Amino acid sequence: MFHQWLISLWRTVVPVIVGGGIGWLAGHGIAIDGVSEAQIDFAVTAFGTGLYYGVFRALEQRFPVLGVFLGSTRQPVYPQLAQAREQDPYEGL
């Protein structure tokens, strides 16, 4: 179970690192009146992270090898959750 937790953590950290890089690159030189550079960096980083994760997560459903861009082609498996969904797929939603 600990291994599955590490996979899930890594697949979260990689998009955050990439999103941070996108925010850092895109945020340099952008100036908007009334908005601080830190606010712009935060918005670009959050949007970049979400976009990166969403695109590669969606593509991974069709092309599993693209999971490498999320840090691992292995998706975490949560046995208790999988077993519960077999019994009632809408439980906990």
N, C-alpha and C. Protein backbone atom coordinates (compact mmCIF):
# COMPACT_ATOMS: atom_id res chain seq x y z
N MET A 1 0.83 -1.20 0.00
CA MET A 1 0.00 0.00 0.00
C MET A 1 0.87 1.26 0.00
N PHE A 2 2.01 1.20 0.72
CA PHE A 2 2.89 2.36 0.76
C PHE A 2 3.43 2.68 -0.63
N HIS A 3 3.71 1.64 -1.41
CA HIS A 3 4.20 1.83 -2.77
C HIS A 3 3.15 2.57 -3.61
N GLN A 4 1.91 2.22 -3.45
CA GLN A 4 0.83 2.88 -4.19
C GLN A 4 0.73 4.35 -3.79
N TRP A 5 0.96 4.62 -2.51
CA TRP A 5 0.93 6.00 -2.04
C TRP A 5 2.06 6.80 -2.67
N LEU A 6 3.25 6.19 -2.77
CA LEU A 6 4.38 6.87 -3.39
C LEU A 6 4.11 7.17 -4.86
N ILE A 7 3.50 6.22 -5.57
CA ILE A 7 3.15 6.45 -6.98
C ILE A 7 2.18 7.63 -7.09
N SER A 8 1.16 7.65 -6.25
CA SER A 8 0.18 8.74 -6.32
C SER A 8 0.82 10.08 -5.98
N LEU A 9 1.72 10.07 -4.99
CA LEU A 9 2.41 11.30 -4.62
C LEU A 9 3.29 11.79 -5.77
N TRP A 10 4.05 10.90 -6.36
CA TRP A 10 4.93 11.27 -7.47
C TRP A 10 4.13 11.80 -8.65
N ARG A 11 2.98 11.17 -8.94
CA ARG A 11 2.16 11.60 -10.07
C ARG A 11 1.48 12.94 -9.78
N THR A 12 1.53 13.40 -8.55
CA THR A 12 1.05 14.74 -8.20
C THR A 12 2.19 15.75 -8.25
N VAL A 13 3.33 15.35 -7.75
CA VAL A 13 4.48 16.25 -7.66
C VAL A 13 5.00 16.64 -9.04
N VAL A 14 5.08 15.69 -9.96
CA VAL A 14 5.64 15.99 -11.29
C VAL A 14 4.85 17.10 -11.99
N PRO A 15 3.51 17.05 -12.07
CA PRO A 15 2.80 18.16 -12.70
C PRO A 15 2.98 19.49 -11.97
N VAL A 16 3.13 19.46 -10.65
CA VAL A 16 3.35 20.69 -9.90
C VAL A 16 4.70 21.30 -10.26
N ILE A 17 5.72 20.46 -10.38
CA ILE A 17 7.05 20.95 -10.78
C ILE A 17 6.99 21.55 -12.18
N VAL A 18 6.34 20.83 -13.10
CA VAL A 18 6.22 21.34 -14.47
C VAL A 18 5.42 22.64 -14.48
N GLY A 19 4.31 22.67 -13.75
CA GLY A 19 3.50 23.88 -13.68
C GLY A 19 4.27 25.05 -13.09
N GLY A 20 5.10 24.78 -12.08
CA GLY A 20 5.94 25.83 -11.51
C GLY A 20 6.92 26.37 -12.54
N GLY A 21 7.48 25.46 -13.32
CA GLY A 21 8.40 25.89 -14.39
C GLY A 21 7.68 26.72 -15.44
N ILE A 22 6.48 26.29 -15.80
CA ILE A 22 5.67 27.05 -16.77
C ILE A 22 5.37 28.43 -16.21
N GLY A 23 4.97 28.48 -14.94
CA GLY A 23 4.66 29.77 -14.31
C GLY A 23 5.86 30.68 -14.24
N TRP A 24 7.01 30.10 -13.91
CA TRP A 24 8.23 30.89 -13.82
C TRP A 24 8.62 31.45 -15.19
N LEU A 25 8.56 30.61 -16.22
CA LEU A 25 8.92 31.06 -17.56
C LEU A 25 7.93 32.08 -18.10
N ALA A 26 6.65 31.81 -17.93
CA ALA A 26 5.62 32.70 -18.49
C ALA A 26 5.49 33.99 -17.70
N GLY A 27 5.79 33.93 -16.41
CA GLY A 27 5.59 35.10 -15.56
C GLY A 27 6.63 36.18 -15.73
N HIS A 28 7.75 35.87 -16.30
CA HIS A 28 8.80 36.87 -16.48
C HIS A 28 8.41 37.85 -17.59
N GLY A 29 8.40 39.10 -17.23
CA GLY A 29 8.14 40.13 -18.22
C GLY A 29 6.67 40.47 -18.40
N ILE A 30 5.77 39.79 -17.69
CA ILE A 30 4.34 40.13 -17.80
C ILE A 30 4.02 41.20 -16.78
N ALA A 31 3.41 42.28 -17.21
CA ALA A 31 3.03 43.36 -16.31
C ALA A 31 1.59 43.75 -16.57
N ILE A 32 0.79 43.72 -15.51
CA ILE A 32 -0.61 44.14 -15.59
C ILE A 32 -0.83 45.17 -14.50
N ASP A 33 -1.38 46.32 -14.85
CA ASP A 33 -1.60 47.37 -13.85
C ASP A 33 -2.51 46.87 -12.73
N GLY A 34 -2.09 47.12 -11.50
CA GLY A 34 -2.90 46.75 -10.34
C GLY A 34 -2.73 45.30 -9.89
N VAL A 35 -1.88 44.55 -10.56
CA VAL A 35 -1.68 43.14 -10.21
C VAL A 35 -0.18 42.94 -9.99
N SER A 36 0.15 42.34 -8.85
CA SER A 36 1.57 42.14 -8.55
C SER A 36 2.14 40.99 -9.37
N GLU A 37 3.46 40.97 -9.49
CA GLU A 37 4.13 39.90 -10.22
C GLU A 37 3.88 38.55 -9.54
N ALA A 38 3.82 38.56 -8.21
CA ALA A 38 3.56 37.32 -7.46
C ALA A 38 2.16 36.78 -7.79
N GLN A 39 1.19 37.66 -7.91
CA GLN A 39 -0.17 37.22 -8.25
C GLN A 39 -0.22 36.63 -9.65
N ILE A 40 0.49 37.24 -10.57
CA ILE A 40 0.54 36.72 -11.94
C ILE A 40 1.23 35.37 -11.95
N ASP A 41 2.36 35.26 -11.24
CA ASP A 41 3.08 33.99 -11.18
C ASP A 41 2.20 32.88 -10.59
N PHE A 42 1.48 33.21 -9.54
CA PHE A 42 0.60 32.22 -8.91
C PHE A 42 -0.48 31.75 -9.88
N ALA A 43 -1.14 32.70 -10.55
CA ALA A 43 -2.22 32.35 -11.47
C ALA A 43 -1.71 31.51 -12.64
N VAL A 44 -0.59 31.91 -13.22
CA VAL A 44 -0.04 31.18 -14.35
C VAL A 44 0.41 29.79 -13.92
N THR A 45 1.02 29.68 -12.73
CA THR A 45 1.47 28.38 -12.22
C THR A 45 0.28 27.46 -11.97
N ALA A 46 -0.75 27.97 -11.32
CA ALA A 46 -1.93 27.15 -11.04
C ALA A 46 -2.61 26.70 -12.33
N PHE A 47 -2.78 27.61 -13.26
CA PHE A 47 -3.40 27.26 -14.53
C PHE A 47 -2.53 26.29 -15.32
N GLY A 48 -1.23 26.56 -15.37
CA GLY A 48 -0.30 25.67 -16.10
C GLY A 48 -0.28 24.28 -15.51
N THR A 49 -0.28 24.17 -14.18
CA THR A 49 -0.28 22.86 -13.52
C THR A 49 -1.56 22.10 -13.85
N GLY A 50 -2.69 22.76 -13.69
CA GLY A 50 -3.98 22.11 -13.97
C GLY A 50 -4.11 21.69 -15.42
N LEU A 51 -3.68 22.55 -16.31
CA LEU A 51 -3.75 22.24 -17.74
C LEU A 51 -2.84 21.07 -18.09
N TYR A 52 -1.61 21.11 -17.60
CA TYR A 52 -0.65 20.03 -17.85
C TYR A 52 -1.19 18.69 -17.35
N TYR A 53 -1.64 18.68 -16.09
CA TYR A 53 -2.16 17.44 -15.52
C TYR A 53 -3.39 16.95 -16.28
N GLY A 54 -4.31 17.85 -16.55
CA GLY A 54 -5.55 17.47 -17.23
C GLY A 54 -5.30 16.90 -18.62
N VAL A 55 -4.43 17.54 -19.38
CA VAL A 55 -4.14 17.08 -20.74
C VAL A 55 -3.49 15.70 -20.71
N PHE A 56 -2.45 15.53 -19.88
CA PHE A 56 -1.76 14.24 -19.89
C PHE A 56 -2.57 13.14 -19.21
N ARG A 57 -3.42 13.49 -18.27
CA ARG A 57 -4.29 12.48 -17.65
C ARG A 57 -5.32 11.99 -18.66
N ALA A 58 -5.86 12.91 -19.44
CA ALA A 58 -6.82 12.53 -20.48
C ALA A 58 -6.15 11.70 -21.58
N LEU A 59 -4.98 12.14 -22.02
CA LEU A 59 -4.26 11.39 -23.05
C LEU A 59 -3.84 10.02 -22.56
N GLU A 60 -3.53 9.92 -21.27
CA GLU A 60 -3.09 8.65 -20.70
C GLU A 60 -4.20 7.59 -20.77
N GLN A 61 -5.44 8.02 -20.75
CA GLN A 61 -6.55 7.06 -20.84
C GLN A 61 -6.53 6.35 -22.19
N ARG A 62 -6.12 7.05 -23.23
CA ARG A 62 -6.08 6.47 -24.57
C ARG A 62 -4.70 5.89 -24.90
N PHE A 63 -3.66 6.56 -24.44
CA PHE A 63 -2.27 6.14 -24.71
C PHE A 63 -1.54 6.00 -23.37
N PRO A 64 -1.62 4.85 -22.72
CA PRO A 64 -1.05 4.68 -21.38
C PRO A 64 0.43 5.05 -21.26
N VAL A 65 1.19 4.93 -22.33
CA VAL A 65 2.62 5.25 -22.26
C VAL A 65 2.84 6.73 -21.92
N LEU A 66 1.89 7.58 -22.19
CA LEU A 66 2.03 9.01 -21.91
C LEU A 66 1.95 9.31 -20.41
N GLY A 67 1.63 8.30 -19.61
CA GLY A 67 1.67 8.47 -18.16
C GLY A 67 3.05 8.84 -17.66
N VAL A 68 4.07 8.58 -18.47
CA VAL A 68 5.44 8.93 -18.10
C VAL A 68 5.56 10.45 -17.88
N PHE A 69 4.74 11.24 -18.53
CA PHE A 69 4.77 12.69 -18.35
C PHE A 69 4.13 13.12 -17.03
N LEU A 70 3.51 12.17 -16.34
CA LEU A 70 2.98 12.42 -15.00
C LEU A 70 3.92 11.84 -13.94
N GLY A 71 5.03 11.28 -14.39
CA GLY A 71 6.01 10.75 -13.46
C GLY A 71 6.08 9.24 -13.43
N SER A 72 5.04 8.58 -13.90
CA SER A 72 5.02 7.11 -13.89
C SER A 72 3.90 6.62 -14.79
N THR A 73 4.18 5.53 -15.50
CA THR A 73 3.11 4.94 -16.31
C THR A 73 2.20 4.07 -15.46
N ARG A 74 2.62 3.78 -14.24
CA ARG A 74 1.79 2.99 -13.32
C ARG A 74 0.81 3.91 -12.60
N GLN A 75 -0.45 3.56 -12.65
CA GLN A 75 -1.44 4.32 -11.91
C GLN A 75 -1.63 3.67 -10.55
N PRO A 76 -1.81 4.47 -9.49
CA PRO A 76 -2.02 3.87 -8.18
C PRO A 76 -3.33 3.09 -8.14
N VAL A 77 -3.32 2.01 -7.38
CA VAL A 77 -4.50 1.17 -7.22
C VAL A 77 -4.87 1.19 -5.74
N TYR A 78 -6.09 1.51 -5.46
CA TYR A 78 -6.59 1.55 -4.09
C TYR A 78 -7.56 0.39 -3.91
N PRO A 79 -7.11 -0.74 -3.38
CA PRO A 79 -7.93 -1.95 -3.33
C PRO A 79 -9.24 -1.77 -2.57
N GLN A 80 -9.24 -1.04 -1.48
CA GLN A 80 -10.47 -0.86 -0.72
C GLN A 80 -11.49 -0.07 -1.52
N LEU A 81 -11.04 0.95 -2.21
CA LEU A 81 -11.94 1.76 -3.02
C LEU A 81 -12.46 0.96 -4.21
N ALA A 82 -11.59 0.19 -4.86
CA ALA A 82 -12.02 -0.63 -6.00
C ALA A 82 -13.06 -1.65 -5.57
N GLN A 83 -12.84 -2.26 -4.42
CA GLN A 83 -13.80 -3.26 -3.92
C GLN A 83 -15.13 -2.60 -3.58
N ALA A 84 -15.10 -1.42 -2.98
CA ALA A 84 -16.34 -0.72 -2.63
C ALA A 84 -17.11 -0.32 -3.88
N ARG A 85 -16.40 0.09 -4.93
CA ARG A 85 -17.08 0.50 -6.16
C ARG A 85 -17.71 -0.67 -6.88
N GLU A 86 -17.14 -1.86 -6.72
CA GLU A 86 -17.77 -3.04 -7.32
C GLU A 86 -19.12 -3.30 -6.68
N GLN A 87 -19.23 -3.01 -5.39
CA GLN A 87 -20.48 -3.22 -4.69
C GLN A 87 -21.46 -2.09 -4.95
N ASP A 88 -21.00 -0.85 -4.84
CA ASP A 88 -21.84 0.32 -5.07
C ASP A 88 -21.00 1.41 -5.71
N PRO A 89 -21.04 1.57 -7.03
CA PRO A 89 -20.16 2.52 -7.69
C PRO A 89 -20.41 3.99 -7.32
N TYR A 90 -21.54 4.29 -6.71
CA TYR A 90 -21.85 5.68 -6.39
C TYR A 90 -21.65 5.99 -4.91
N GLU A 91 -21.19 5.02 -4.14
CA GLU A 91 -20.96 5.24 -2.73
C GLU A 91 -19.83 6.24 -2.53
N GLY A 92 -20.05 7.21 -1.69
CA GLY A 92 -19.03 8.19 -1.38
C GLY A 92 -18.94 9.34 -2.37
N LEU A 93 -19.80 9.40 -3.35
CA LEU A 93 -19.77 10.52 -4.31
C LEU A 93 -20.74 11.59 -3.89
